[in-house]
Amino acid sequence: MDGINTTLCYIREGERCLMLHRVKKQNDMNRDKWIGIGGKFEPGESPEDCLLREVWEETGLRLTRYRYRGIITFVSSEYGTEYMHLFDADGFTGSLRGCDEGELVWIEWGRLRELPQWEGDAIFLQLLETDCPFFSLKLCYTGDRLIRAVLDGRELLNREVAG
């Protein structure tokens, strides 16, 4: 299976969610977008190992309660394929510290979809919001444009045919 493995976590505190505004790194595929917390697997890591390490490195928080919610396969004309292991969390200890990848901000959950982000993020945010059971979501992009979305083998969107 070619491609990279990553984790992404939406850390919640009541009705707020910790988001990362990616504004610090040059040549960042997520530049100027708002995303959850996560990153690339290191050799030998499980999804949970990567999750816990990335959250600690990016935020200074240690997760005490989290759930593995699904896997998202991103297929991109520019960036190749990524297998993103999606988590949410509502238990943690520690204090936020600065992040070298962007600005960490607590945002009201209801406002998340107003933020600049990848178009397909709205699909999995809705799945998290409705407490959907474990899912597999495939998102295909040409550049920044979402052209296809498939949830558990069921076509949600296909702009390849529509043009």
Protein backbone atom coordinates (compact mmCIF):
# COMPACT_ATOMS: atom_id res chain seq x y z
CA MET A 1 0.00 0.00 0.00
CA ASP A 2 1.78 3.14 -1.23
CA GLY A 3 1.07 6.46 0.45
CA ILE A 4 1.66 7.97 3.84
CA ASN A 5 -0.18 7.28 7.10
CA THR A 6 -1.20 10.17 9.31
CA THR A 7 -3.44 10.88 12.26
CA LEU A 8 -5.87 13.74 12.82
CA CYS A 9 -7.66 14.46 16.08
CA TYR A 10 -10.44 16.83 17.02
CA ILE A 11 -9.91 17.62 20.70
CA ARG A 12 -13.06 18.88 22.36
CA GLU A 13 -13.65 20.74 25.58
CA GLY A 14 -17.37 21.18 26.03
CA GLU A 15 -18.67 22.85 22.86
CA ARG A 16 -15.21 24.03 21.81
CA CYS A 17 -12.68 22.26 19.61
CA LEU A 18 -8.93 22.85 19.44
CA MET A 19 -7.96 23.80 15.90
CA LEU A 20 -4.63 24.52 14.26
CA HIS A 21 -4.47 27.43 11.81
CA ARG A 22 -1.58 26.39 9.52
CA VAL A 23 0.24 29.68 8.94
CA LYS A 24 3.86 29.13 9.99
CA LYS A 25 5.44 26.61 7.59
CA GLN A 26 6.44 27.40 4.02
CA ASN A 27 5.43 24.95 1.26
CA ASP A 28 2.69 23.51 3.49
CA MET A 29 -0.10 21.64 1.67
CA ASN A 30 -2.41 22.86 4.46
CA ARG A 31 -1.19 26.47 4.34
CA ASP A 32 -3.83 28.94 5.65
CA LYS A 33 -6.30 26.13 6.38
CA TRP A 34 -7.73 25.19 9.78
CA ILE A 35 -7.28 21.55 10.73
CA GLY A 36 -7.33 19.30 13.79
CA ILE A 37 -4.18 18.09 15.50
CA GLY A 38 -2.02 15.33 14.04
CA GLY A 39 0.77 14.32 11.74
CA LYS A 40 2.74 11.58 10.03
CA PHE A 41 3.50 8.16 11.44
CA GLU A 42 7.05 7.39 12.49
CA PRO A 43 8.46 3.89 11.84
CA GLY A 44 6.82 1.22 14.01
CA GLU A 45 4.02 3.45 15.31
CA SER A 46 0.41 2.36 15.58
CA PRO A 47 -2.32 4.93 14.89
CA GLU A 48 -2.69 5.44 18.66
CA ASP A 49 1.09 5.86 19.15
CA CYS A 50 1.19 8.51 16.42
CA LEU A 51 -1.89 10.27 17.79
CA LEU A 52 -0.52 10.56 21.33
CA ARG A 53 2.94 11.68 20.18
CA GLU A 54 1.64 14.26 17.69
CA VAL A 55 -0.86 15.76 20.15
CA TRP A 56 1.89 16.09 22.76
CA GLU A 57 4.41 17.57 20.30
CA GLU A 58 1.97 20.08 18.76
CA THR A 59 0.00 21.12 21.85
CA GLY A 60 1.66 20.10 25.11
CA LEU A 61 -1.49 18.13 26.01
CA ARG A 62 -1.61 14.45 26.97
CA LEU A 63 -4.80 12.72 25.90
CA THR A 64 -6.59 10.69 28.57
CA ARG A 65 -9.75 9.81 26.61
CA TYR A 66 -10.00 9.43 22.83
CA ARG A 67 -11.81 7.35 20.19
CA TYR A 68 -10.66 6.00 16.84
CA ARG A 69 -13.48 7.13 14.55
CA GLY A 70 -12.53 6.19 11.00
CA ILE A 71 -10.03 6.10 8.21
CA ILE A 72 -9.98 8.63 5.41
CA THR A 73 -8.20 7.89 2.15
CA PHE A 74 -7.13 11.09 0.43
CA VAL A 75 -6.22 10.77 -3.23
CA SER A 76 -4.65 13.92 -4.64
CA SER A 77 -3.43 14.88 -8.09
CA GLU A 78 -0.69 16.96 -6.38
CA TYR A 79 0.20 15.18 -3.15
CA GLY A 80 -0.36 11.47 -3.81
CA THR A 81 -2.29 9.23 -1.45
CA GLU A 82 -2.65 9.65 2.30
CA TYR A 83 -4.36 7.33 4.78
CA MET A 84 -5.55 9.50 7.64
CA HIS A 85 -6.61 7.82 10.87
CA LEU A 86 -9.29 10.05 12.42
CA PHE A 87 -9.80 10.43 16.16
CA ASP A 88 -11.74 12.62 18.52
CA ALA A 89 -10.88 13.25 22.16
CA ASP A 90 -12.54 14.85 25.14
CA GLY A 91 -10.10 14.06 27.93
CA PHE A 92 -6.64 15.56 28.38
CA THR A 93 -4.18 16.96 30.89
CA GLY A 94 -1.56 19.66 30.57
CA SER A 95 -1.44 23.21 29.28
CA LEU A 96 -1.33 24.46 25.71
CA ARG A 97 2.01 25.62 24.42
CA GLY A 98 3.03 27.23 21.15
CA CYS A 99 3.09 25.15 17.98
CA ASP A 100 5.71 25.58 15.25
CA GLU A 101 3.18 24.68 12.53
CA GLY A 102 0.58 27.34 13.24
CA GLU A 103 -1.68 28.97 15.80
CA LEU A 104 -3.73 26.85 18.22
CA VAL A 105 -7.20 28.27 18.87
CA TRP A 106 -10.28 26.96 20.69
CA ILE A 107 -13.24 27.36 18.31
CA GLU A 108 -16.93 26.74 18.96
CA TRP A 109 -17.85 23.41 17.31
CA GLY A 110 -20.75 25.02 15.44
CA ARG A 111 -18.35 27.47 13.73
CA LEU A 112 -15.82 24.93 12.43
CA ARG A 113 -17.32 24.71 8.95
CA GLU A 114 -17.04 28.50 8.55
CA LEU A 115 -13.23 28.25 8.65
CA PRO A 116 -11.04 27.84 5.54
CA GLN A 117 -10.36 24.11 5.23
CA TRP A 118 -10.37 21.29 2.72
CA GLU A 119 -13.84 20.85 1.19
CA GLY A 120 -14.05 17.20 2.25
CA ASP A 121 -13.44 18.09 5.91
CA ALA A 122 -17.12 19.09 6.16
CA ILE A 123 -18.09 15.48 5.40
CA PHE A 124 -16.09 13.91 8.20
CA LEU A 125 -16.91 16.72 10.63
CA GLN A 126 -20.59 15.88 10.05
CA LEU A 127 -19.84 12.19 10.68
CA LEU A 128 -18.13 13.09 13.97
CA GLU A 129 -20.96 15.41 14.94
CA THR A 130 -23.63 12.75 14.37
CA ASP A 131 -21.55 10.13 16.22
CA CYS A 132 -21.41 7.90 13.14
CA PRO A 133 -19.94 4.44 13.85
CA PHE A 134 -16.44 3.66 12.55
CA PHE A 135 -16.31 4.61 8.87
CA SER A 136 -14.14 4.55 5.76
CA LEU A 137 -14.23 7.71 3.66
CA LYS A 138 -12.43 8.22 0.36
CA LEU A 139 -11.87 11.82 -0.79
CA CYS A 140 -10.39 12.50 -4.24
CA TYR A 141 -9.00 15.91 -5.14
CA THR A 142 -7.76 17.60 -8.27
CA GLY A 143 -5.72 20.45 -6.84
CA ASP A 144 -7.85 21.95 -4.05
CA ARG A 145 -11.13 20.81 -5.67
CA LEU A 146 -12.98 17.81 -4.23
CA ILE A 147 -14.08 15.71 -7.19
CA ARG A 148 -15.22 12.48 -5.53
CA ALA A 149 -16.34 11.29 -2.09
CA VAL A 150 -17.20 7.70 -1.19
CA LEU A 151 -18.44 6.71 2.29
CA ASP A 152 -18.28 3.01 3.20
CA GLY A 153 -18.37 2.11 -0.51
CA ARG A 154 -21.35 4.39 -1.26
CA GLU A 155 -20.86 7.30 -3.68
CA LEU A 156 -21.63 10.66 -2.02
CA LEU A 157 -20.21 12.96 -4.68
CA ASN A 158 -18.82 12.45 -8.16
CA ARG A 159 -17.78 15.54 -10.09
CA GLU A 160 -15.56 13.44 -12.38
CA VAL A 161 -18.66 12.49 -14.37
CA ALA A 162 -20.35 15.89 -14.04
CA GLY A 163 -17.18 17.75 -15.06
